[in-house]
Amino acid sequence: MELFITTLVTGVMVGSIYALVALGWCLIYKCSGVLNLAMGELTLIGAYVCLSFYNWGVPFILALIFTMIIGIILGFLTERIFLRKLIGEPILTVIMVTVGLSFFFRGIVEFIWGTDTRVFSPPVFPLKPIVVGPVVIGQVYLWSFVAAIILLVAFVSFFKYTRWGLSMQACADDEMAALSLGVSAKFVYAMAWAIAFMAAGVGGTLLGNINGLNISVGYLGLLVLPAVVLGGLNSVPGAIVGGIIIGVLQNLSGAYLDQYFPGGVKEIAPFAFMVIILLFLPYGLWGWERIERV
């Protein structure tokens, strides 16, 4: 029971970071219908940028803020340089461009920072774990969870209460109606990429504090895909809930199945779960079901 509770709590905390990255993925799909396959590389860039600021002596909180600002700039530049000319083109074309962007961004990261594992030194969070009854929780998990929840609340509030956030929702719900009301689709798409860069960068930074930072963090983009599919590709609340569920599932699989099936059950379980979900819920828990009348 102690193992189960500890694994469950840790899974929820890691899942909140997955939810943060899934939010960026969901936002781009919701606004433009594009499945961004470069999401993992966005986490890499943000994490390495934050690590660089931290190594230069910038306090971690300020380094995180600077990383988010740079994420906004990179998001606008990526949309303006690579994607704006593709507005109106087939969705598959844009998706293939994101595949090219993933290799391009990964190459830049390897060229600038290399492939060796790096850590935040000195550690950002205290190493002494917190003991609550029988449950032992590392402080890096706890504070990462707090940071992820704060940012998730901030992003959701942005979508719900700000003019820009409402414009993004309007464009996602009915692009033609939004355009007729004066909403700029180009600005909405650029803002979606900027927020995706921010969310992915913060998620990568938090994961880098937990496991160390190397090129393999880029695979987080694929690992988050089951969370997005579970919640629904165009559902922001679904992305949050799906991320937490996948985090819990991954941790429980590692704790209970790895001893019987050594060799990475923890990494495979989310994708097996995704296949099962697609069989019974093709649109996820809260995804929009498209009905075509002929």
C-alpha atoms as a PDB file:
ATOM      1  CA  MET A   1       0.000   0.000   0.000  1.00  0.00           C
ATOM      2  CA  GLU A   2       2.876   2.382   0.778  1.00  0.00           C
ATOM      3  CA  LEU A   3       4.375   1.688  -2.655  1.00  0.00           C
ATOM      4  CA  PHE A   4       1.013   2.201  -4.321  1.00  0.00           C
ATOM      5  CA  ILE A   5       0.331   5.549  -2.619  1.00  0.00           C
ATOM      6  CA  THR A   6       3.858   6.851  -3.249  1.00  0.00           C
ATOM      7  CA  THR A   7       3.711   5.780  -6.891  1.00  0.00           C
ATOM      8  CA  LEU A   8       0.259   7.302  -7.307  1.00  0.00           C
ATOM      9  CA  VAL A   9       1.252  10.650  -5.796  1.00  0.00           C
ATOM     10  CA  THR A  10       4.464  10.832  -7.827  1.00  0.00           C
ATOM     11  CA  GLY A  11       2.526   9.918 -10.963  1.00  0.00           C
ATOM     12  CA  VAL A  12       0.094  12.787 -10.410  1.00  0.00           C
ATOM     13  CA  MET A  13       2.995  15.209  -9.973  1.00  0.00           C
ATOM     14  CA  VAL A  14       4.815  14.062 -13.109  1.00  0.00           C
ATOM     15  CA  GLY A  15       1.491  13.946 -14.952  1.00  0.00           C
ATOM     16  CA  SER A  16       0.944  17.645 -14.214  1.00  0.00           C
ATOM     17  CA  ILE A  17       4.126  18.381 -16.194  1.00  0.00           C
ATOM     18  CA  TYR A  18       2.861  16.185 -19.041  1.00  0.00           C
ATOM     19  CA  ALA A  19      -0.390  18.160 -18.896  1.00  0.00           C
ATOM     20  CA  LEU A  20       1.545  21.396 -19.322  1.00  0.00           C
ATOM     21  CA  VAL A  21       3.194  20.132 -22.508  1.00  0.00           C
ATOM     22  CA  ALA A  22      -0.072  18.555 -23.708  1.00  0.00           C
ATOM     23  CA  LEU A  23      -1.723  21.958 -23.338  1.00  0.00           C
ATOM     24  CA  GLY A  24       0.586  23.448 -25.969  1.00  0.00           C
ATOM     25  CA  TRP A  25       0.009  20.514 -28.304  1.00  0.00           C
ATOM     26  CA  CYS A  26      -3.760  20.739 -27.859  1.00  0.00           C
ATOM     27  CA  LEU A  27      -3.766  24.499 -28.408  1.00  0.00           C
ATOM     28  CA  ILE A  28      -2.064  24.325 -31.805  1.00  0.00           C
ATOM     29  CA  TYR A  29      -4.420  21.577 -32.947  1.00  0.00           C
ATOM     30  CA  LYS A  30      -7.451  23.405 -31.591  1.00  0.00           C
ATOM     31  CA  CYS A  31      -6.602  26.626 -33.425  1.00  0.00           C
ATOM     32  CA  SER A  32      -5.298  25.281 -36.727  1.00  0.00           C
ATOM     33  CA  GLY A  33      -6.091  21.557 -36.934  1.00  0.00           C
ATOM     34  CA  VAL A  34      -2.354  20.793 -37.160  1.00  0.00           C
ATOM     35  CA  LEU A  35      -0.779  17.946 -35.188  1.00  0.00           C
ATOM     36  CA  ASN A  36       2.534  19.477 -34.136  1.00  0.00           C
ATOM     37  CA  LEU A  37       5.111  16.673 -34.289  1.00  0.00           C
ATOM     38  CA  ALA A  38       7.916  19.032 -33.219  1.00  0.00           C
ATOM     39  CA  MET A  39       6.530  19.389 -29.691  1.00  0.00           C
ATOM     40  CA  GLY A  40       9.294  17.316 -28.111  1.00  0.00           C
ATOM     41  CA  GLU A  41      11.966  19.542 -29.599  1.00  0.00           C
ATOM     42  CA  LEU A  42      10.214  22.618 -28.205  1.00  0.00           C
ATOM     43  CA  THR A  43      10.676  21.137 -24.733  1.00  0.00           C
ATOM     44  CA  LEU A  44      14.369  20.599 -25.487  1.00  0.00           C
ATOM     45  CA  ILE A  45      14.968  24.178 -26.585  1.00  0.00           C
ATOM     46  CA  GLY A  46      13.175  25.684 -23.588  1.00  0.00           C
ATOM     47  CA  ALA A  47      14.918  23.400 -21.109  1.00  0.00           C
ATOM     48  CA  TYR A  48      18.400  24.124 -22.474  1.00  0.00           C
ATOM     49  CA  VAL A  49      17.740  27.870 -22.615  1.00  0.00           C
ATOM     50  CA  CYS A  50      16.665  27.857 -18.961  1.00  0.00           C
ATOM     51  CA  LEU A  51      19.713  25.753 -18.029  1.00  0.00           C
ATOM     52  CA  SER A  52      22.001  28.232 -19.790  1.00  0.00           C
ATOM     53  CA  PHE A  53      20.527  31.177 -17.904  1.00  0.00           C
ATOM     54  CA  TYR A  54      20.833  29.263 -14.626  1.00  0.00           C
ATOM     55  CA  ASN A  55      24.474  28.392 -15.308  1.00  0.00           C
ATOM     56  CA  TRP A  56      25.161  32.083 -15.982  1.00  0.00           C
ATOM     57  CA  GLY A  57      24.103  32.842 -12.422  1.00  0.00           C
ATOM     58  CA  VAL A  58      20.524  33.943 -13.043  1.00  0.00           C
ATOM     59  CA  PRO A  59      18.145  32.845 -10.233  1.00  0.00           C
ATOM     60  CA  PHE A  60      15.930  29.955 -11.294  1.00  0.00           C
ATOM     61  CA  ILE A  61      12.655  31.912 -11.181  1.00  0.00           C
ATOM     62  CA  LEU A  62      14.097  34.683 -13.346  1.00  0.00           C
ATOM     63  CA  ALA A  63      15.651  32.091 -15.659  1.00  0.00           C
ATOM     64  CA  LEU A  64      12.219  30.509 -16.058  1.00  0.00           C
ATOM     65  CA  ILE A  65      10.639  33.887 -16.842  1.00  0.00           C
ATOM     66  CA  PHE A  66      13.354  34.685 -19.394  1.00  0.00           C
ATOM     67  CA  THR A  67      12.789  31.249 -20.937  1.00  0.00           C
ATOM     68  CA  MET A  68       9.089  31.977 -21.339  1.00  0.00           C
ATOM     69  CA  ILE A  69       9.841  35.345 -22.953  1.00  0.00           C
ATOM     70  CA  ILE A  70      12.270  33.724 -25.394  1.00  0.00           C
ATOM     71  CA  GLY A  71       9.645  31.030 -26.018  1.00  0.00           C
ATOM     72  CA  ILE A  72       7.154  33.720 -27.067  1.00  0.00           C
ATOM     73  CA  ILE A  73       9.696  35.224 -29.477  1.00  0.00           C
ATOM     74  CA  LEU A  74      10.648  31.837 -30.955  1.00  0.00           C
ATOM     75  CA  GLY A  75       6.986  30.877 -31.314  1.00  0.00           C
ATOM     76  CA  PHE A  76       6.177  34.033 -33.282  1.00  0.00           C
ATOM     77  CA  LEU A  77       9.299  33.623 -35.447  1.00  0.00           C
ATOM     78  CA  THR A  78       8.564  29.944 -36.172  1.00  0.00           C
ATOM     79  CA  GLU A  79       5.013  30.702 -37.236  1.00  0.00           C
ATOM     80  CA  ARG A  80       6.063  33.727 -39.280  1.00  0.00           C
ATOM     81  CA  ILE A  81       9.009  32.116 -41.098  1.00  0.00           C
ATOM     82  CA  PHE A  82       7.919  28.511 -41.590  1.00  0.00           C
ATOM     83  CA  LEU A  83       4.147  28.263 -41.276  1.00  0.00           C
ATOM     84  CA  ARG A  84       2.381  31.471 -42.276  1.00  0.00           C
ATOM     85  CA  LYS A  85       2.804  30.824 -45.981  1.00  0.00           C
ATOM     86  CA  LEU A  86       1.100  27.460 -45.506  1.00  0.00           C
ATOM     87  CA  ILE A  87      -2.208  28.913 -44.320  1.00  0.00           C
ATOM     88  CA  GLY A  88      -4.899  27.388 -46.526  1.00  0.00           C
ATOM     89  CA  GLU A  89      -2.687  24.509 -47.643  1.00  0.00           C
ATOM     90  CA  PRO A  90      -3.620  20.851 -46.937  1.00  0.00           C
ATOM     91  CA  ILE A  91      -3.220  19.885 -43.275  1.00  0.00           C
ATOM     92  CA  LEU A  92      -0.907  17.002 -44.174  1.00  0.00           C
ATOM     93  CA  THR A  93       1.526  19.468 -45.754  1.00  0.00           C
ATOM     94  CA  VAL A  94       1.726  21.503 -42.550  1.00  0.00           C
ATOM     95  CA  ILE A  95       2.160  18.360 -40.434  1.00  0.00           C
ATOM     96  CA  MET A  96       5.091  17.259 -42.590  1.00  0.00           C
ATOM     97  CA  VAL A  97       6.635  20.708 -42.117  1.00  0.00           C
ATOM     98  CA  THR A  98       6.456  20.194 -38.338  1.00  0.00           C
ATOM     99  CA  VAL A  99       8.321  16.895 -38.843  1.00  0.00           C
ATOM    100  CA  GLY A 100      11.046  18.833 -40.641  1.00  0.00           C
ATOM    101  CA  LEU A 101      11.054  21.420 -37.861  1.00  0.00           C
ATOM    102  CA  SER A 102      11.583  18.665 -35.285  1.00  0.00           C
ATOM    103  CA  PHE A 103      14.795  17.533 -37.004  1.00  0.00           C
ATOM    104  CA  PHE A 104      15.876  21.141 -37.533  1.00  0.00           C
ATOM    105  CA  PHE A 105      15.380  22.088 -33.872  1.00  0.00           C
ATOM    106  CA  ARG A 106      17.053  18.893 -32.654  1.00  0.00           C
ATOM    107  CA  GLY A 107      20.066  19.614 -34.853  1.00  0.00           C
ATOM    108  CA  ILE A 108      20.324  23.128 -33.429  1.00  0.00           C
ATOM    109  CA  VAL A 109      20.184  21.791 -29.868  1.00  0.00           C
ATOM    110  CA  GLU A 110      22.873  19.177 -30.549  1.00  0.00           C
ATOM    111  CA  PHE A 111      25.073  21.773 -32.275  1.00  0.00           C
ATOM    112  CA  ILE A 112      24.848  24.335 -29.458  1.00  0.00           C
ATOM    113  CA  TRP A 113      24.605  22.201 -26.316  1.00  0.00           C
ATOM    114  CA  GLY A 114      25.790  18.738 -27.402  1.00  0.00           C
ATOM    115  CA  THR A 115      24.271  15.415 -26.374  1.00  0.00           C
ATOM    116  CA  ASP A 116      25.806  14.839 -22.924  1.00  0.00           C
ATOM    117  CA  THR A 117      23.514  14.752 -19.900  1.00  0.00           C
ATOM    118  CA  ARG A 118      23.522  18.012 -17.966  1.00  0.00           C
ATOM    119  CA  VAL A 119      22.089  18.847 -14.568  1.00  0.00           C
ATOM    120  CA  PHE A 120      21.113  22.023 -12.796  1.00  0.00           C
ATOM    121  CA  SER A 121      24.065  22.707 -10.501  1.00  0.00           C
ATOM    122  CA  PRO A 122      23.667  23.599  -7.725  1.00  0.00           C
ATOM    123  CA  PRO A 123      20.314  21.762  -7.515  1.00  0.00           C
ATOM    124  CA  VAL A 124      17.319  24.060  -7.762  1.00  0.00           C
ATOM    125  CA  PHE A 125      15.232  22.104  -5.272  1.00  0.00           C
ATOM    126  CA  PRO A 126      16.352  20.613  -1.923  1.00  0.00           C
ATOM    127  CA  LEU A 127      17.432  16.986  -2.111  1.00  0.00           C
ATOM    128  CA  LYS A 128      15.920  15.997   1.243  1.00  0.00           C
ATOM    129  CA  PRO A 129      12.570  14.234   0.630  1.00  0.00           C
ATOM    130  CA  ILE A 130       9.340  15.095   2.395  1.00  0.00           C
ATOM    131  CA  VAL A 131       7.875  12.302   4.507  1.00  0.00           C
ATOM    132  CA  VAL A 132       4.105  12.330   5.074  1.00  0.00           C
ATOM    133  CA  GLY A 133       3.233   9.213   7.070  1.00  0.00           C
ATOM    134  CA  PRO A 134       4.276   6.247   4.942  1.00  0.00           C
ATOM    135  CA  VAL A 135       4.652   8.353   1.780  1.00  0.00           C
ATOM    136  CA  VAL A 136       8.064   9.679   0.751  1.00  0.00           C
ATOM    137  CA  ILE A 137       8.028  12.458  -1.861  1.00  0.00           C
ATOM    138  CA  GLY A 138      11.052  14.108  -3.417  1.00  0.00           C
ATOM    139  CA  GLN A 139      10.890  17.894  -3.172  1.00  0.00           C
ATOM    140  CA  VAL A 140      11.737  18.218  -6.855  1.00  0.00           C
ATOM    141  CA  TYR A 141       8.471  16.406  -7.670  1.00  0.00           C
ATOM    142  CA  LEU A 142       6.476  18.509  -5.233  1.00  0.00           C
ATOM    143  CA  TRP A 143       7.731  21.901  -6.384  1.00  0.00           C
ATOM    144  CA  SER A 144       7.535  20.898 -10.036  1.00  0.00           C
ATOM    145  CA  PHE A 145       3.900  19.970  -9.414  1.00  0.00           C
ATOM    146  CA  VAL A 146       3.227  23.349  -7.764  1.00  0.00           C
ATOM    147  CA  ALA A 147       4.876  25.229 -10.637  1.00  0.00           C
ATOM    148  CA  ALA A 148       2.967  23.216 -13.249  1.00  0.00           C
ATOM    149  CA  ILE A 149      -0.375  23.808 -11.520  1.00  0.00           C
ATOM    150  CA  ILE A 150       0.272  27.570 -11.244  1.00  0.00           C
ATOM    151  CA  LEU A 151       1.076  27.787 -14.942  1.00  0.00           C
ATOM    152  CA  LEU A 152      -1.899  25.640 -15.928  1.00  0.00           C
ATOM    153  CA  VAL A 153      -4.222  27.927 -13.947  1.00  0.00           C
ATOM    154  CA  ALA A 154      -2.585  30.956 -15.560  1.00  0.00           C
ATOM    155  CA  PHE A 155      -3.023  29.556 -19.082  1.00  0.00           C
ATOM    156  CA  VAL A 156      -6.634  28.509 -18.518  1.00  0.00           C
ATOM    157  CA  SER A 157      -7.426  31.965 -17.055  1.00  0.00           C
ATOM    158  CA  PHE A 158      -5.771  33.557 -20.087  1.00  0.00           C
ATOM    159  CA  PHE A 159      -8.030  31.601 -22.448  1.00  0.00           C
ATOM    160  CA  LYS A 160     -11.146  32.349 -20.439  1.00  0.00           C
ATOM    161  CA  TYR A 161     -10.808  35.973 -19.377  1.00  0.00           C
ATOM    162  CA  THR A 162      -8.478  37.850 -21.753  1.00  0.00           C
ATOM    163  CA  ARG A 163      -9.334  39.346 -25.112  1.00  0.00           C
ATOM    164  CA  TRP A 164      -6.567  37.411 -26.852  1.00  0.00           C
ATOM    165  CA  GLY A 165      -7.612  34.156 -25.229  1.00  0.00           C
ATOM    166  CA  LEU A 166     -11.241  34.651 -26.230  1.00  0.00           C
ATOM    167  CA  SER A 167     -10.126  35.458 -29.781  1.00  0.00           C
ATOM    168  CA  MET A 168      -8.214  32.177 -29.906  1.00  0.00           C
ATOM    169  CA  GLN A 169     -11.256  30.252 -28.701  1.00  0.00           C
ATOM    170  CA  ALA A 170     -13.495  32.003 -31.223  1.00  0.00           C
ATOM    171  CA  CYS A 171     -11.117  31.199 -34.073  1.00  0.00           C
ATOM    172  CA  ALA A 172     -10.927  27.568 -32.948  1.00  0.00           C
ATOM    173  CA  ASP A 173     -14.724  27.203 -32.719  1.00  0.00           C
ATOM    174  CA  ASP A 174     -15.608  28.893 -36.029  1.00  0.00           C
ATOM    175  CA  GLU A 175     -12.829  30.498 -38.013  1.00  0.00           C
ATOM    176  CA  MET A 176     -15.083  32.161 -40.610  1.00  0.00           C
ATOM    177  CA  ALA A 177     -17.333  33.689 -37.950  1.00  0.00           C
ATOM    178  CA  ALA A 178     -14.289  34.915 -36.007  1.00  0.00           C
ATOM    179  CA  LEU A 179     -12.818  36.505 -39.140  1.00  0.00           C
ATOM    180  CA  SER A 180     -16.097  38.289 -39.825  1.00  0.00           C
ATOM    181  CA  LEU A 181     -15.891  39.809 -36.335  1.00  0.00           C
ATOM    182  CA  GLY A 182     -12.397  41.161 -36.945  1.00  0.00           C
ATOM    183  CA  VAL A 183     -10.302  38.419 -35.330  1.00  0.00           C
ATOM    184  CA  SER A 184      -6.921  37.986 -37.032  1.00  0.00           C
ATOM    185  CA  ALA A 185      -6.356  34.300 -37.784  1.00  0.00           C
ATOM    186  CA  LYS A 186      -2.670  34.939 -38.428  1.00  0.00           C
ATOM    187  CA  PHE A 187      -2.238  36.467 -34.982  1.00  0.00           C
ATOM    188  CA  VAL A 188      -4.171  33.609 -33.376  1.00  0.00           C
ATOM    189  CA  TYR A 189      -1.941  30.982 -34.990  1.00  0.00           C
ATOM    190  CA  ALA A 190       1.202  32.893 -33.991  1.00  0.00           C
ATOM    191  CA  MET A 191      -0.041  33.198 -30.404  1.00  0.00           C
ATOM    192  CA  ALA A 192      -0.818  29.471 -30.316  1.00  0.00           C
ATOM    193  CA  TRP A 193       2.782  28.658 -31.288  1.00  0.00           C
ATOM    194  CA  ALA A 194       4.123  31.180 -28.773  1.00  0.00           C
ATOM    195  CA  ILE A 195       2.136  29.615 -25.927  1.00  0.00           C
ATOM    196  CA  ALA A 196       3.146  26.128 -27.074  1.00  0.00           C
ATOM    197  CA  PHE A 197       6.813  27.159 -26.933  1.00  0.00           C
ATOM    198  CA  MET A 198       6.303  28.573 -23.430  1.00  0.00           C
ATOM    199  CA  ALA A 199       4.433  25.559 -22.064  1.00  0.00           C
ATOM    200  CA  ALA A 200       6.816  23.040 -23.618  1.00  0.00           C
ATOM    201  CA  GLY A 201       9.882  24.944 -22.414  1.00  0.00           C
ATOM    202  CA  VAL A 202       8.663  25.076 -18.821  1.00  0.00           C
ATOM    203  CA  GLY A 203       7.678  21.396 -18.944  1.00  0.00           C
ATOM    204  CA  GLY A 204      11.106  20.431 -20.269  1.00  0.00           C
ATOM    205  CA  THR A 205      12.808  22.520 -17.586  1.00  0.00           C
ATOM    206  CA  LEU A 206      10.857  20.837 -14.791  1.00  0.00           C
ATOM    207  CA  LEU A 207      11.601  17.370 -16.188  1.00  0.00           C
ATOM    208  CA  GLY A 208      15.261  18.324 -16.528  1.00  0.00           C
ATOM    209  CA  ASN A 209      15.330  19.061 -12.811  1.00  0.00           C
ATOM    210  CA  ILE A 210      13.933  15.605 -12.090  1.00  0.00           C
ATOM    211  CA  ASN A 211      15.935  13.324 -14.380  1.00  0.00           C
ATOM    212  CA  GLY A 212      18.719  15.501 -15.746  1.00  0.00           C
ATOM    213  CA  LEU A 213      18.702  17.080 -19.175  1.00  0.00           C
ATOM    214  CA  ASN A 214      19.790  15.428 -22.407  1.00  0.00           C
ATOM    215  CA  ILE A 215      18.552  14.929 -25.926  1.00  0.00           C
ATOM    216  CA  SER A 216      16.172  12.152 -24.837  1.00  0.00           C
ATOM    217  CA  VAL A 217      13.897  14.750 -23.205  1.00  0.00           C
ATOM    218  CA  GLY A 218      12.769  15.449 -26.767  1.00  0.00           C
ATOM    219  CA  TYR A 219      10.896  12.144 -26.773  1.00  0.00           C
ATOM    220  CA  LEU A 220       8.507  13.756 -24.294  1.00  0.00           C
ATOM    221  CA  GLY A 221       6.598  15.072 -27.291  1.00  0.00           C
ATOM    222  CA  LEU A 222       5.647  11.548 -28.338  1.00  0.00           C
ATOM    223  CA  LEU A 223       5.055  10.455 -24.747  1.00  0.00           C
ATOM    224  CA  VAL A 224       2.530  13.262 -24.287  1.00  0.00           C
ATOM    225  CA  LEU A 225       0.588  12.184 -27.389  1.00  0.00           C
ATOM    226  CA  PRO A 226      -1.408   9.502 -25.487  1.00  0.00           C
ATOM    227  CA  ALA A 227      -2.417  12.181 -22.967  1.00  0.00           C
ATOM    228  CA  VAL A 228      -3.679  14.466 -25.738  1.00  0.00           C
ATOM    229  CA  VAL A 229      -5.545  11.622 -27.449  1.00  0.00           C
ATOM    230  CA  LEU A 230      -7.094  10.512 -24.159  1.00  0.00           C
ATOM    231  CA  GLY A 231      -8.444  13.952 -23.282  1.00  0.00           C
ATOM    232  CA  GLY A 232      -9.411  14.880 -26.830  1.00  0.00           C
ATOM    233  CA  LEU A 233      -7.172  16.632 -29.328  1.00  0.00           C
ATOM    234  CA  ASN A 234      -9.129  19.888 -29.148  1.00  0.00           C
ATOM    235  CA  SER A 235      -9.988  19.942 -25.432  1.00  0.00           C
ATOM    236  CA  VAL A 236      -7.871  22.034 -23.042  1.00  0.00           C
ATOM    237  CA  PRO A 237      -9.395  20.457 -19.872  1.00  0.00           C
ATOM    238  CA  GLY A 238      -8.976  17.068 -21.541  1.00  0.00           C
ATOM    239  CA  ALA A 239      -5.263  17.698 -22.088  1.00  0.00           C
ATOM    240  CA  ILE A 240      -4.815  18.496 -18.392  1.00  0.00           C
ATOM    241  CA  VAL A 241      -6.730  15.451 -17.159  1.00  0.00           C
ATOM    242  CA  GLY A 242      -5.145  13.209 -19.790  1.00  0.00           C
ATOM    243  CA  GLY A 243      -1.648  14.281 -18.784  1.00  0.00           C
ATOM    244  CA  ILE A 244      -2.276  13.422 -15.139  1.00  0.00           C
ATOM    245  CA  ILE A 245      -3.845  10.052 -16.024  1.00  0.00           C
ATOM    246  CA  ILE A 246      -0.907   9.121 -18.267  1.00  0.00           C
ATOM    247  CA  GLY A 247       1.573  10.151 -15.575  1.00  0.00           C
ATOM    248  CA  VAL A 248      -0.158   7.900 -13.038  1.00  0.00           C
ATOM    249  CA  LEU A 249      -0.452   5.026 -15.510  1.00  0.00           C
ATOM    250  CA  GLN A 250       3.216   5.256 -16.440  1.00  0.00           C
ATOM    251  CA  ASN A 251       4.374   5.234 -12.827  1.00  0.00           C
ATOM    252  CA  LEU A 252       2.116   2.338 -11.832  1.00  0.00           C
ATOM    253  CA  SER A 253       3.287   0.326 -14.838  1.00  0.00           C
ATOM    254  CA  GLY A 254       6.905   0.931 -13.887  1.00  0.00           C
ATOM    255  CA  ALA A 255       6.308  -0.064 -10.272  1.00  0.00           C
ATOM    256  CA  TYR A 256       4.274  -3.223 -10.850  1.00  0.00           C
ATOM    257  CA  LEU A 257       5.010  -4.543 -14.347  1.00  0.00           C
ATOM    258  CA  ASP A 258       8.706  -3.843 -14.920  1.00  0.00           C
ATOM    259  CA  GLN A 259       9.631  -6.665 -12.561  1.00  0.00           C
ATOM    260  CA  TYR A 260       7.733  -9.151 -14.746  1.00  0.00           C
ATOM    261  CA  PHE A 261       8.456  -7.648 -18.169  1.00  0.00           C
ATOM    262  CA  PRO A 262      11.859  -5.954 -17.970  1.00  0.00           C
ATOM    263  CA  GLY A 263      12.799  -3.694 -20.813  1.00  0.00           C
ATOM    264  CA  GLY A 264      10.681  -0.565 -20.763  1.00  0.00           C
ATOM    265  CA  VAL A 265       7.054  -1.390 -19.945  1.00  0.00           C
ATOM    266  CA  LYS A 266       6.886   2.058 -18.353  1.00  0.00           C
ATOM    267  CA  GLU A 267       7.504   3.673 -21.736  1.00  0.00           C
ATOM    268  CA  ILE A 268       5.213   1.370 -23.716  1.00  0.00           C
ATOM    269  CA  ALA A 269       2.183   1.397 -21.405  1.00  0.00           C
ATOM    270  CA  PRO A 270       0.899   4.891 -22.366  1.00  0.00           C
ATOM    271  CA  PHE A 271       0.862   3.961 -26.070  1.00  0.00           C
ATOM    272  CA  ALA A 272      -0.881   0.641 -25.423  1.00  0.00           C
ATOM    273  CA  PHE A 273      -3.446   2.564 -23.404  1.00  0.00           C
ATOM    274  CA  MET A 274      -3.811   5.067 -26.270  1.00  0.00           C
ATOM    275  CA  VAL A 275      -4.610   2.262 -28.730  1.00  0.00           C
ATOM    276  CA  ILE A 276      -7.302   0.907 -26.410  1.00  0.00           C
ATOM    277  CA  ILE A 277      -8.801   4.387 -25.964  1.00  0.00           C
ATOM    278  CA  LEU A 278      -8.925   4.931 -29.728  1.00  0.00           C
ATOM    279  CA  LEU A 279     -10.794   1.650 -30.197  1.00  0.00           C
ATOM    280  CA  PHE A 280     -13.637   2.718 -27.899  1.00  0.00           C
ATOM    281  CA  LEU A 281     -13.387   6.529 -27.797  1.00  0.00           C
ATOM    282  CA  PRO A 282     -11.984   7.750 -31.141  1.00  0.00           C
ATOM    283  CA  TYR A 283     -12.471  11.407 -30.112  1.00  0.00           C
ATOM    284  CA  GLY A 284     -11.137  11.032 -26.565  1.00  0.00           C
ATOM    285  CA  LEU A 285     -12.984  11.890 -23.380  1.00  0.00           C
ATOM    286  CA  TRP A 286     -13.865  15.490 -24.330  1.00  0.00           C
ATOM    287  CA  GLY A 287     -12.923  15.752 -28.003  1.00  0.00           C
ATOM    288  CA  TRP A 288     -15.327  17.232 -30.546  1.00  0.00           C
ATOM    289  CA  GLU A 289     -17.121  14.534 -32.487  1.00  0.00           C
ATOM    290  CA  ARG A 290     -17.420  15.579 -36.106  1.00  0.00           C
ATOM    291  CA  ILE A 291     -20.734  14.752 -37.765  1.00  0.00           C
ATOM    292  CA  GLU A 292     -21.020  15.209 -41.503  1.00  0.00           C
ATOM    293  CA  ARG A 293     -24.447  15.391 -43.114  1.00  0.00           C
ATOM    294  CA  VAL A 294     -24.804  14.237 -46.704  1.00  0.00           C
END
